[in-house]
Amino acid sequence: MAILAGKVAIVTGAGIGIGRCEAVSLGAAGAAVVVNDIDSAAAREVTAEIVEAGGRAIADAADMSLWTSGGILVQRAVAEFGQLDIVVANAGVVSRSPIADVTERDLDAQIGVLFKGTYALVRHCAAHWRAEHEAGRVIHRTIIATSSSAGVPGGVEEFSVYGSLKAGVATLALGAALELRRYGVTVNAILPHAATRMDAQAKGTEPPPRFDASNPDPMNPQHVANVVTYLASERAAWLSGQVFEITGTNVRRWVPWSSAAEIDSDDQWSVEALDTALAASVYRTLPGGRVIPSN
């Protein structure tokens, strides 16, 4: 039996790139898929691909920047297939810009899709699954939220908006994992690396060709889809609140912010004392960040 037989999934941003591979892979693994993309033609094309391969799927063009779209997707999945088990929040937009040049429009557009849309989808799923759990329908359900290495660990020039919001998505996954475990729901985040049209547009490079699923190129989005299919399965039910970076066949676990060296004082810090203590005990330099001579 297929590993996801009898399961129902939602994949947002599933018209091209990573989302397309995720939707097709979940369908091939036996799940019925709600294929969401604001490009309705692309959503229909992926839906047809899943159906032609013997799977079940419906297309959806809801705008994920709208709060209500998450609820609409949940309702569509339940109305069409009778339940909802798997959610892959993948929809995204990106705009490259120095901080000094970011406009309110740039900020709002990215907040809408990357964070508000993801949060709303998680929120509507949480409400639905809470009701299901309270009604005695207790099974494994899961959310896979798409973050980015621009957010974890972050620090990418000219992608400050995108990176900040993707860091927020990872944080959302950690919090949701704690809240939703009482309902049998696991929540994990991924940091995918793949050659996609959105990435190429942001970097000003040529759009990549569509990879064959078996192509071993580490930038093939299929590598990401393979990991997502695993995380969507009951085999991964022991994993929640995790963040995984995926580059080709390399899967790396990231942990939340962790503390390093620390200092303390019996008295309130003065400027001079804090500068000296940070330099000597935390950064191993001389005060002011001056490098300690080797001799």
C-alpha atoms as a PDB file:
ATOM      1  CA  MET A   1       0.000   0.000   0.000  1.00  0.00           C
ATOM      2  CA  ALA A   2       1.193   3.523  -0.810  1.00  0.00           C
ATOM      3  CA  ILE A   3       2.627   5.279   2.241  1.00  0.00           C
ATOM      4  CA  LEU A   4      -0.007   8.064   2.124  1.00  0.00           C
ATOM      5  CA  ALA A   5      -2.967   5.977   0.970  1.00  0.00           C
ATOM      6  CA  GLY A   6      -6.216   7.333   2.376  1.00  0.00           C
ATOM      7  CA  LYS A   7      -4.665  10.677   3.342  1.00  0.00           C
ATOM      8  CA  VAL A   8      -5.758  14.110   2.129  1.00  0.00           C
ATOM      9  CA  ALA A   9      -3.279  16.934   1.600  1.00  0.00           C
ATOM     10  CA  ILE A  10      -3.241  20.641   0.833  1.00  0.00           C
ATOM     11  CA  VAL A  11      -0.192  22.112  -0.914  1.00  0.00           C
ATOM     12  CA  THR A  12      -0.085  25.875  -1.437  1.00  0.00           C
ATOM     13  CA  GLY A  13       2.014  27.477  -4.145  1.00  0.00           C
ATOM     14  CA  ALA A  14       1.843  24.149  -5.956  1.00  0.00           C
ATOM     15  CA  GLY A  15       1.780  25.365  -9.551  1.00  0.00           C
ATOM     16  CA  ILE A  16       5.511  25.318 -10.206  1.00  0.00           C
ATOM     17  CA  GLY A  17       8.879  24.514  -8.670  1.00  0.00           C
ATOM     18  CA  ILE A  18       9.076  23.034  -5.206  1.00  0.00           C
ATOM     19  CA  GLY A  19       5.317  23.150  -4.620  1.00  0.00           C
ATOM     20  CA  ARG A  20       4.590  21.298  -7.851  1.00  0.00           C
ATOM     21  CA  CYS A  21       7.041  18.527  -6.955  1.00  0.00           C
ATOM     22  CA  GLU A  22       5.555  18.291  -3.464  1.00  0.00           C
ATOM     23  CA  ALA A  23       1.991  17.996  -4.767  1.00  0.00           C
ATOM     24  CA  VAL A  24       2.909  15.413  -7.418  1.00  0.00           C
ATOM     25  CA  SER A  25       4.962  13.387  -4.930  1.00  0.00           C
ATOM     26  CA  LEU A  26       2.212  13.366  -2.308  1.00  0.00           C
ATOM     27  CA  GLY A  27      -0.241  12.289  -4.986  1.00  0.00           C
ATOM     28  CA  ALA A  28       2.081   9.521  -6.147  1.00  0.00           C
ATOM     29  CA  ALA A  29       2.375   8.355  -2.532  1.00  0.00           C
ATOM     30  CA  GLY A  30      -1.399   7.891  -2.375  1.00  0.00           C
ATOM     31  CA  ALA A  31      -2.703  11.167  -0.959  1.00  0.00           C
ATOM     32  CA  ALA A  32      -5.596  13.096  -2.473  1.00  0.00           C
ATOM     33  CA  VAL A  33      -4.284  16.611  -3.063  1.00  0.00           C
ATOM     34  CA  VAL A  34      -5.788  20.084  -3.084  1.00  0.00           C
ATOM     35  CA  VAL A  35      -3.412  21.839  -5.482  1.00  0.00           C
ATOM     36  CA  ASN A  36      -3.410  25.535  -4.640  1.00  0.00           C
ATOM     37  CA  ASP A  37      -1.789  28.235  -6.730  1.00  0.00           C
ATOM     38  CA  ILE A  38      -2.888  31.769  -7.501  1.00  0.00           C
ATOM     39  CA  ASP A  39      -2.070  30.911 -11.130  1.00  0.00           C
ATOM     40  CA  SER A  40      -5.184  28.866 -11.813  1.00  0.00           C
ATOM     41  CA  ALA A  41      -3.839  27.455 -15.091  1.00  0.00           C
ATOM     42  CA  ALA A  42      -0.730  26.154 -13.335  1.00  0.00           C
ATOM     43  CA  ALA A  43      -2.847  24.616 -10.567  1.00  0.00           C
ATOM     44  CA  ARG A  44      -5.024  22.856 -13.161  1.00  0.00           C
ATOM     45  CA  GLU A  45      -1.958  21.561 -14.991  1.00  0.00           C
ATOM     46  CA  VAL A  46      -0.489  19.997 -11.848  1.00  0.00           C
ATOM     47  CA  THR A  47      -3.893  18.589 -10.909  1.00  0.00           C
ATOM     48  CA  ALA A  48      -4.155  16.946 -14.338  1.00  0.00           C
ATOM     49  CA  GLU A  49      -0.661  15.506 -13.930  1.00  0.00           C
ATOM     50  CA  ILE A  50      -1.640  13.868 -10.629  1.00  0.00           C
ATOM     51  CA  VAL A  51      -4.935  12.537 -11.993  1.00  0.00           C
ATOM     52  CA  GLU A  52      -3.333  11.187 -15.182  1.00  0.00           C
ATOM     53  CA  ALA A  53      -0.890   9.252 -13.004  1.00  0.00           C
ATOM     54  CA  GLY A  54      -3.834   7.574 -11.254  1.00  0.00           C
ATOM     55  CA  GLY A  55      -4.141   9.931  -8.281  1.00  0.00           C
ATOM     56  CA  ARG A  56      -6.868  12.194  -6.960  1.00  0.00           C
ATOM     57  CA  ALA A  57      -6.596  15.977  -6.969  1.00  0.00           C
ATOM     58  CA  ILE A  58      -8.520  19.207  -7.348  1.00  0.00           C
ATOM     59  CA  ALA A  59      -7.229  22.628  -8.334  1.00  0.00           C
ATOM     60  CA  ASP A  60      -7.675  25.764  -6.231  1.00  0.00           C
ATOM     61  CA  ALA A  61      -6.676  29.350  -6.984  1.00  0.00           C
ATOM     62  CA  ALA A  62      -7.299  31.012  -3.615  1.00  0.00           C
ATOM     63  CA  ASP A  63      -5.076  34.007  -2.879  1.00  0.00           C
ATOM     64  CA  MET A  64      -3.047  32.974   0.173  1.00  0.00           C
ATOM     65  CA  SER A  65      -2.441  36.587   1.195  1.00  0.00           C
ATOM     66  CA  LEU A  66      -6.084  36.704   2.333  1.00  0.00           C
ATOM     67  CA  TRP A  67      -6.966  35.569   5.852  1.00  0.00           C
ATOM     68  CA  THR A  68     -10.047  33.696   4.653  1.00  0.00           C
ATOM     69  CA  SER A  69      -8.195  31.600   2.071  1.00  0.00           C
ATOM     70  CA  GLY A  70      -6.821  29.199   4.675  1.00  0.00           C
ATOM     71  CA  GLY A  71     -10.318  28.410   5.858  1.00  0.00           C
ATOM     72  CA  ILE A  72     -11.573  28.018   2.296  1.00  0.00           C
ATOM     73  CA  LEU A  73      -8.851  25.472   1.551  1.00  0.00           C
ATOM     74  CA  VAL A  74      -9.677  23.455   4.656  1.00  0.00           C
ATOM     75  CA  GLN A  75     -13.353  23.454   3.717  1.00  0.00           C
ATOM     76  CA  ARG A  76     -12.601  22.406   0.136  1.00  0.00           C
ATOM     77  CA  ALA A  77     -10.428  19.506   1.242  1.00  0.00           C
ATOM     78  CA  VAL A  78     -13.096  18.216   3.625  1.00  0.00           C
ATOM     79  CA  ALA A  79     -15.963  18.792   1.185  1.00  0.00           C
ATOM     80  CA  GLU A  80     -14.192  17.042  -1.698  1.00  0.00           C
ATOM     81  CA  PHE A  81     -12.322  14.263   0.056  1.00  0.00           C
ATOM     82  CA  GLY A  82     -13.975  13.953   3.474  1.00  0.00           C
ATOM     83  CA  GLN A  83     -11.023  14.853   5.681  1.00  0.00           C
ATOM     84  CA  LEU A  84      -7.706  16.706   5.965  1.00  0.00           C
ATOM     85  CA  ASP A  85      -4.462  15.126   7.152  1.00  0.00           C
ATOM     86  CA  ILE A  86      -1.500  16.930   5.599  1.00  0.00           C
ATOM     87  CA  VAL A  87      -0.794  20.609   4.974  1.00  0.00           C
ATOM     88  CA  VAL A  88       2.255  21.895   3.126  1.00  0.00           C
ATOM     89  CA  ALA A  89       2.475  25.691   3.382  1.00  0.00           C
ATOM     90  CA  ASN A  90       4.673  26.547   0.434  1.00  0.00           C
ATOM     91  CA  ALA A  91       3.168  29.642  -1.229  1.00  0.00           C
ATOM     92  CA  GLY A  92       5.669  32.445  -1.455  1.00  0.00           C
ATOM     93  CA  VAL A  93       6.781  35.687  -3.048  1.00  0.00           C
ATOM     94  CA  VAL A  94      10.078  37.500  -2.790  1.00  0.00           C
ATOM     95  CA  SER A  95      11.382  40.947  -3.624  1.00  0.00           C
ATOM     96  CA  ARG A  96      15.073  41.752  -3.466  1.00  0.00           C
ATOM     97  CA  SER A  97      15.876  45.199  -2.159  1.00  0.00           C
ATOM     98  CA  PRO A  98      18.300  47.038   0.125  1.00  0.00           C
ATOM     99  CA  ILE A  99      16.594  47.999   3.380  1.00  0.00           C
ATOM    100  CA  ALA A 100      16.838  51.698   2.516  1.00  0.00           C
ATOM    101  CA  ASP A 101      14.838  51.107  -0.680  1.00  0.00           C
ATOM    102  CA  VAL A 102      12.046  48.835   0.641  1.00  0.00           C
ATOM    103  CA  THR A 103       8.602  50.326   0.079  1.00  0.00           C
ATOM    104  CA  GLU A 104       5.468  49.787   2.126  1.00  0.00           C
ATOM    105  CA  ARG A 105       3.995  47.966  -0.874  1.00  0.00           C
ATOM    106  CA  ASP A 106       6.985  45.567  -0.995  1.00  0.00           C
ATOM    107  CA  LEU A 107       6.642  44.920   2.724  1.00  0.00           C
ATOM    108  CA  ASP A 108       2.886  44.367   2.703  1.00  0.00           C
ATOM    109  CA  ALA A 109       2.985  42.063  -0.336  1.00  0.00           C
ATOM    110  CA  GLN A 110       5.525  39.758   1.266  1.00  0.00           C
ATOM    111  CA  ILE A 111       3.913  39.838   4.710  1.00  0.00           C
ATOM    112  CA  GLY A 112       0.599  38.879   3.120  1.00  0.00           C
ATOM    113  CA  VAL A 113       1.767  35.696   1.432  1.00  0.00           C
ATOM    114  CA  LEU A 114       4.788  34.610   3.437  1.00  0.00           C
ATOM    115  CA  PHE A 115       3.566  35.127   6.985  1.00  0.00           C
ATOM    116  CA  LYS A 116      -0.079  36.133   7.151  1.00  0.00           C
ATOM    117  CA  GLY A 117      -1.042  33.469   4.609  1.00  0.00           C
ATOM    118  CA  THR A 118       0.971  30.771   6.349  1.00  0.00           C
ATOM    119  CA  TYR A 119      -0.290  31.765   9.783  1.00  0.00           C
ATOM    120  CA  ALA A 120      -3.912  31.868   8.622  1.00  0.00           C
ATOM    121  CA  LEU A 121      -3.630  28.413   7.073  1.00  0.00           C
ATOM    122  CA  VAL A 122      -2.105  26.984  10.255  1.00  0.00           C
ATOM    123  CA  ARG A 123      -4.773  28.716  12.329  1.00  0.00           C
ATOM    124  CA  HIS A 124      -7.690  27.343  10.296  1.00  0.00           C
ATOM    125  CA  CYS A 125      -6.169  23.853  10.282  1.00  0.00           C
ATOM    126  CA  ALA A 126      -5.689  24.042  14.052  1.00  0.00           C
ATOM    127  CA  ALA A 127      -9.337  24.963  14.625  1.00  0.00           C
ATOM    128  CA  HIS A 128     -10.542  22.163  12.344  1.00  0.00           C
ATOM    129  CA  TRP A 129      -8.296  19.523  13.884  1.00  0.00           C
ATOM    130  CA  ARG A 130      -9.162  20.609  17.417  1.00  0.00           C
ATOM    131  CA  ALA A 131     -12.828  20.053  16.596  1.00  0.00           C
ATOM    132  CA  GLU A 132     -12.021  16.682  15.040  1.00  0.00           C
ATOM    133  CA  HIS A 133     -10.054  15.633  18.108  1.00  0.00           C
ATOM    134  CA  GLU A 134     -12.822  16.729  20.468  1.00  0.00           C
ATOM    135  CA  ALA A 135     -15.263  14.687  18.377  1.00  0.00           C
ATOM    136  CA  GLY A 136     -13.132  11.594  18.968  1.00  0.00           C
ATOM    137  CA  ARG A 137     -11.566  11.400  15.512  1.00  0.00           C
ATOM    138  CA  VAL A 138      -7.965  10.988  16.633  1.00  0.00           C
ATOM    139  CA  ILE A 139      -5.374  10.244  13.933  1.00  0.00           C
ATOM    140  CA  HIS A 140      -1.970  11.597  12.980  1.00  0.00           C
ATOM    141  CA  ARG A 141      -2.074  14.903  11.117  1.00  0.00           C
ATOM    142  CA  THR A 142       0.797  17.115  10.104  1.00  0.00           C
ATOM    143  CA  ILE A 143       1.881  20.535   8.864  1.00  0.00           C
ATOM    144  CA  ILE A 144       5.085  21.221   6.935  1.00  0.00           C
ATOM    145  CA  ALA A 145       5.845  24.954   6.812  1.00  0.00           C
ATOM    146  CA  THR A 146       8.324  26.352   4.311  1.00  0.00           C
ATOM    147  CA  SER A 147      10.926  28.631   5.857  1.00  0.00           C
ATOM    148  CA  SER A 148      14.268  29.536   4.283  1.00  0.00           C
ATOM    149  CA  SER A 149      17.966  29.749   5.035  1.00  0.00           C
ATOM    150  CA  ALA A 150      17.478  33.489   4.503  1.00  0.00           C
ATOM    151  CA  GLY A 151      15.574  33.347   7.794  1.00  0.00           C
ATOM    152  CA  VAL A 152      17.360  30.490   9.578  1.00  0.00           C
ATOM    153  CA  PRO A 153      20.137  31.287  10.255  1.00  0.00           C
ATOM    154  CA  GLY A 154      19.462  34.460   8.275  1.00  0.00           C
ATOM    155  CA  GLY A 155      21.773  37.349   7.541  1.00  0.00           C
ATOM    156  CA  VAL A 156      21.331  37.572   3.746  1.00  0.00           C
ATOM    157  CA  GLU A 157      21.888  40.995   2.235  1.00  0.00           C
ATOM    158  CA  GLU A 158      19.022  42.605   0.309  1.00  0.00           C
ATOM    159  CA  PHE A 159      16.530  39.965   1.440  1.00  0.00           C
ATOM    160  CA  SER A 160      15.759  41.489   4.833  1.00  0.00           C
ATOM    161  CA  VAL A 161      11.967  41.373   4.443  1.00  0.00           C
ATOM    162  CA  TYR A 162      11.896  37.847   3.057  1.00  0.00           C
ATOM    163  CA  GLY A 163      14.396  36.575   5.614  1.00  0.00           C
ATOM    164  CA  SER A 164      12.615  38.173   8.562  1.00  0.00           C
ATOM    165  CA  LEU A 165       9.286  36.642   7.574  1.00  0.00           C
ATOM    166  CA  LYS A 166      10.779  33.225   6.906  1.00  0.00           C
ATOM    167  CA  ALA A 167      12.387  33.313  10.355  1.00  0.00           C
ATOM    168  CA  GLY A 168       8.886  34.002  11.634  1.00  0.00           C
ATOM    169  CA  VAL A 169       7.564  30.941   9.805  1.00  0.00           C
ATOM    170  CA  ALA A 170      10.136  28.729  11.535  1.00  0.00           C
ATOM    171  CA  THR A 171       9.196  30.238  14.898  1.00  0.00           C
ATOM    172  CA  LEU A 172       5.532  29.651  14.126  1.00  0.00           C
ATOM    173  CA  ALA A 173       6.272  25.991  13.437  1.00  0.00           C
ATOM    174  CA  LEU A 174       7.990  25.599  16.805  1.00  0.00           C
ATOM    175  CA  GLY A 175       5.100  27.201  18.691  1.00  0.00           C
ATOM    176  CA  ALA A 176       2.435  25.345  16.736  1.00  0.00           C
ATOM    177  CA  ALA A 177       4.189  22.042  17.400  1.00  0.00           C
ATOM    178  CA  LEU A 178       3.802  22.605  21.139  1.00  0.00           C
ATOM    179  CA  GLU A 179       0.190  23.786  20.959  1.00  0.00           C
ATOM    180  CA  LEU A 180      -1.122  21.200  18.522  1.00  0.00           C
ATOM    181  CA  ARG A 181       0.543  18.075  19.895  1.00  0.00           C
ATOM    182  CA  ARG A 182      -2.456  17.600  22.227  1.00  0.00           C
ATOM    183  CA  TYR A 183      -4.532  17.011  19.080  1.00  0.00           C
ATOM    184  CA  GLY A 184      -2.112  14.519  17.549  1.00  0.00           C
ATOM    185  CA  VAL A 185      -0.707  17.077  15.104  1.00  0.00           C
ATOM    186  CA  THR A 186       2.984  17.329  14.245  1.00  0.00           C
ATOM    187  CA  VAL A 187       4.461  20.526  12.835  1.00  0.00           C
ATOM    188  CA  ASN A 188       7.858  20.895  11.198  1.00  0.00           C
ATOM    189  CA  ALA A 189       9.581  23.497   9.031  1.00  0.00           C
ATOM    190  CA  ILE A 190      11.906  23.082   6.075  1.00  0.00           C
ATOM    191  CA  LEU A 191      14.649  25.275   4.617  1.00  0.00           C
ATOM    192  CA  PRO A 192      14.689  24.126   0.995  1.00  0.00           C
ATOM    193  CA  HIS A 193      17.418  24.751  -1.564  1.00  0.00           C
ATOM    194  CA  ALA A 194      16.355  24.270  -5.176  1.00  0.00           C
ATOM    195  CA  ALA A 195      16.491  25.967  -8.554  1.00  0.00           C
ATOM    196  CA  THR A 196      13.115  27.662  -8.947  1.00  0.00           C
ATOM    197  CA  ARG A 197      11.644  30.442 -11.076  1.00  0.00           C
ATOM    198  CA  MET A 198      10.966  32.609  -8.016  1.00  0.00           C
ATOM    199  CA  ASP A 199      14.561  32.286  -6.843  1.00  0.00           C
ATOM    200  CA  ALA A 200      15.870  33.085 -10.312  1.00  0.00           C
ATOM    201  CA  GLN A 201      13.675  36.173 -10.579  1.00  0.00           C
ATOM    202  CA  ALA A 202      14.864  37.443  -7.202  1.00  0.00           C
ATOM    203  CA  LYS A 203      18.513  36.952  -8.137  1.00  0.00           C
ATOM    204  CA  GLY A 204      18.160  38.228 -11.709  1.00  0.00           C
ATOM    205  CA  THR A 205      19.213  34.945 -13.310  1.00  0.00           C
ATOM    206  CA  GLU A 206      17.687  32.804 -16.052  1.00  0.00           C
ATOM    207  CA  PRO A 207      14.711  30.655 -15.032  1.00  0.00           C
ATOM    208  CA  PRO A 208      15.767  27.018 -14.557  1.00  0.00           C
ATOM    209  CA  PRO A 209      14.400  24.245 -16.753  1.00  0.00           C
ATOM    210  CA  ARG A 210      11.943  21.756 -15.272  1.00  0.00           C
ATOM    211  CA  PHE A 211      13.941  18.880 -13.835  1.00  0.00           C
ATOM    212  CA  ASP A 212      13.066  15.267 -14.491  1.00  0.00           C
ATOM    213  CA  ALA A 213      12.149  13.687 -11.168  1.00  0.00           C
ATOM    214  CA  SER A 214      15.095  11.269 -11.355  1.00  0.00           C
ATOM    215  CA  ASN A 215      17.691  13.972 -12.096  1.00  0.00           C
ATOM    216  CA  PRO A 216      20.335  13.779  -9.315  1.00  0.00           C
ATOM    217  CA  ASP A 217      21.212  17.486  -9.561  1.00  0.00           C
ATOM    218  CA  PRO A 218      21.214  18.817  -5.965  1.00  0.00           C
ATOM    219  CA  MET A 219      19.128  21.792  -7.128  1.00  0.00           C
ATOM    220  CA  ASN A 220      16.327  19.530  -8.355  1.00  0.00           C
ATOM    221  CA  PRO A 221      13.180  20.421  -6.326  1.00  0.00           C
ATOM    222  CA  GLN A 222      12.352  16.707  -6.230  1.00  0.00           C
ATOM    223  CA  HIS A 223      14.885  16.281  -3.422  1.00  0.00           C
ATOM    224  CA  VAL A 224      12.796  18.635  -1.285  1.00  0.00           C
ATOM    225  CA  ALA A 225       9.599  16.816  -2.219  1.00  0.00           C
ATOM    226  CA  ASN A 226      11.095  13.499  -1.136  1.00  0.00           C
ATOM    227  CA  VAL A 227      11.754  14.834   2.362  1.00  0.00           C
ATOM    228  CA  VAL A 228       8.316  16.444   2.542  1.00  0.00           C
ATOM    229  CA  THR A 229       6.671  13.144   1.576  1.00  0.00           C
ATOM    230  CA  TYR A 230       8.475  11.473   4.451  1.00  0.00           C
ATOM    231  CA  LEU A 231       7.512  14.212   6.917  1.00  0.00           C
ATOM    232  CA  ALA A 232       3.899  13.907   5.759  1.00  0.00           C
ATOM    233  CA  SER A 233       3.822  10.201   6.537  1.00  0.00           C
ATOM    234  CA  GLU A 234       3.106   8.420   9.797  1.00  0.00           C
ATOM    235  CA  ARG A 235       6.689   7.156   9.723  1.00  0.00           C
ATOM    236  CA  ALA A 236       7.664  10.707  10.760  1.00  0.00           C
ATOM    237  CA  ALA A 237       5.049  11.037  13.507  1.00  0.00           C
ATOM    238  CA  TRP A 238       7.852  10.981  16.090  1.00  0.00           C
ATOM    239  CA  LEU A 239       9.224  14.264  14.713  1.00  0.00           C
ATOM    240  CA  SER A 240       7.677  17.624  15.603  1.00  0.00           C
ATOM    241  CA  GLY A 241       8.983  21.112  16.249  1.00  0.00           C
ATOM    242  CA  GLN A 242      11.937  20.412  13.978  1.00  0.00           C
ATOM    243  CA  VAL A 243      13.600  22.529  11.291  1.00  0.00           C
ATOM    244  CA  PHE A 244      15.329  20.735   8.419  1.00  0.00           C
ATOM    245  CA  GLU A 245      17.554  22.274   5.755  1.00  0.00           C
ATOM    246  CA  ILE A 246      17.448  20.337   2.492  1.00  0.00           C
ATOM    247  CA  THR A 247      20.144  20.601  -0.187  1.00  0.00           C
ATOM    248  CA  GLY A 248      19.989  17.731  -2.637  1.00  0.00           C
ATOM    249  CA  THR A 249      20.215  14.553  -0.590  1.00  0.00           C
ATOM    250  CA  ASN A 250      21.743  16.384   2.369  1.00  0.00           C
ATOM    251  CA  VAL A 251      19.298  16.902   5.243  1.00  0.00           C
ATOM    252  CA  ARG A 252      20.522  19.049   8.121  1.00  0.00           C
ATOM    253  CA  ARG A 253      18.753  19.645  11.420  1.00  0.00           C
ATOM    254  CA  TRP A 254      18.721  23.178  12.763  1.00  0.00           C
ATOM    255  CA  VAL A 255      18.033  24.017  16.387  1.00  0.00           C
ATOM    256  CA  PRO A 256      16.415  27.185  17.758  1.00  0.00           C
ATOM    257  CA  TRP A 257      18.470  30.126  18.915  1.00  0.00           C
ATOM    258  CA  SER A 258      20.891  28.864  21.534  1.00  0.00           C
ATOM    259  CA  SER A 259      22.977  30.814  24.000  1.00  0.00           C
ATOM    260  CA  ALA A 260      26.760  30.873  23.889  1.00  0.00           C
ATOM    261  CA  ALA A 261      29.116  32.465  26.401  1.00  0.00           C
ATOM    262  CA  GLU A 262      27.628  34.659  29.101  1.00  0.00           C
ATOM    263  CA  ILE A 263      28.747  37.110  31.754  1.00  0.00           C
ATOM    264  CA  ASP A 264      27.285  38.274  35.051  1.00  0.00           C
ATOM    265  CA  SER A 265      28.129  40.778  37.733  1.00  0.00           C
ATOM    266  CA  ASP A 266      27.400  41.317  41.409  1.00  0.00           C
ATOM    267  CA  ASP A 267      26.862  45.016  40.670  1.00  0.00           C
ATOM    268  CA  GLN A 268      24.988  46.915  37.970  1.00  0.00           C
ATOM    269  CA  TRP A 269      27.036  47.179  34.801  1.00  0.00           C
ATOM    270  CA  SER A 270      28.934  50.349  34.019  1.00  0.00           C
ATOM    271  CA  VAL A 271      29.791  51.051  30.375  1.00  0.00           C
ATOM    272  CA  GLU A 272      33.478  50.411  31.015  1.00  0.00           C
ATOM    273  CA  ALA A 273      32.967  47.202  33.003  1.00  0.00           C
ATOM    274  CA  LEU A 274      30.525  45.747  30.458  1.00  0.00           C
ATOM    275  CA  ASP A 275      32.849  46.541  27.556  1.00  0.00           C
ATOM    276  CA  THR A 276      35.766  44.872  29.327  1.00  0.00           C
ATOM    277  CA  ALA A 277      33.768  41.804  30.379  1.00  0.00           C
ATOM    278  CA  LEU A 278      32.204  41.243  26.936  1.00  0.00           C
ATOM    279  CA  ALA A 279      35.558  41.548  25.259  1.00  0.00           C
ATOM    280  CA  ALA A 280      37.466  39.306  27.655  1.00  0.00           C
ATOM    281  CA  SER A 281      34.884  36.644  28.515  1.00  0.00           C
ATOM    282  CA  VAL A 282      32.559  36.473  25.519  1.00  0.00           C
ATOM    283  CA  TYR A 283      34.535  37.553  22.458  1.00  0.00           C
ATOM    284  CA  ARG A 284      38.073  36.855  23.718  1.00  0.00           C
ATOM    285  CA  THR A 285      39.372  40.189  22.526  1.00  0.00           C
ATOM    286  CA  LEU A 286      40.668  43.335  24.121  1.00  0.00           C
ATOM    287  CA  PRO A 287      38.124  46.037  25.109  1.00  0.00           C
ATOM    288  CA  GLY A 288      36.604  47.755  22.082  1.00  0.00           C
ATOM    289  CA  GLY A 289      36.929  44.591  20.038  1.00  0.00           C
ATOM    290  CA  ARG A 290      40.661  45.055  19.503  1.00  0.00           C
ATOM    291  CA  VAL A 291      42.409  41.827  18.579  1.00  0.00           C
ATOM    292  CA  ILE A 292      44.647  40.303  21.224  1.00  0.00           C
ATOM    293  CA  PRO A 293      48.248  40.276  19.945  1.00  0.00           C
ATOM    294  CA  SER A 294      49.553  36.787  19.140  1.00  0.00           C
ATOM    295  CA  ASN A 295      52.849  37.457  20.932  1.00  0.00           C
END
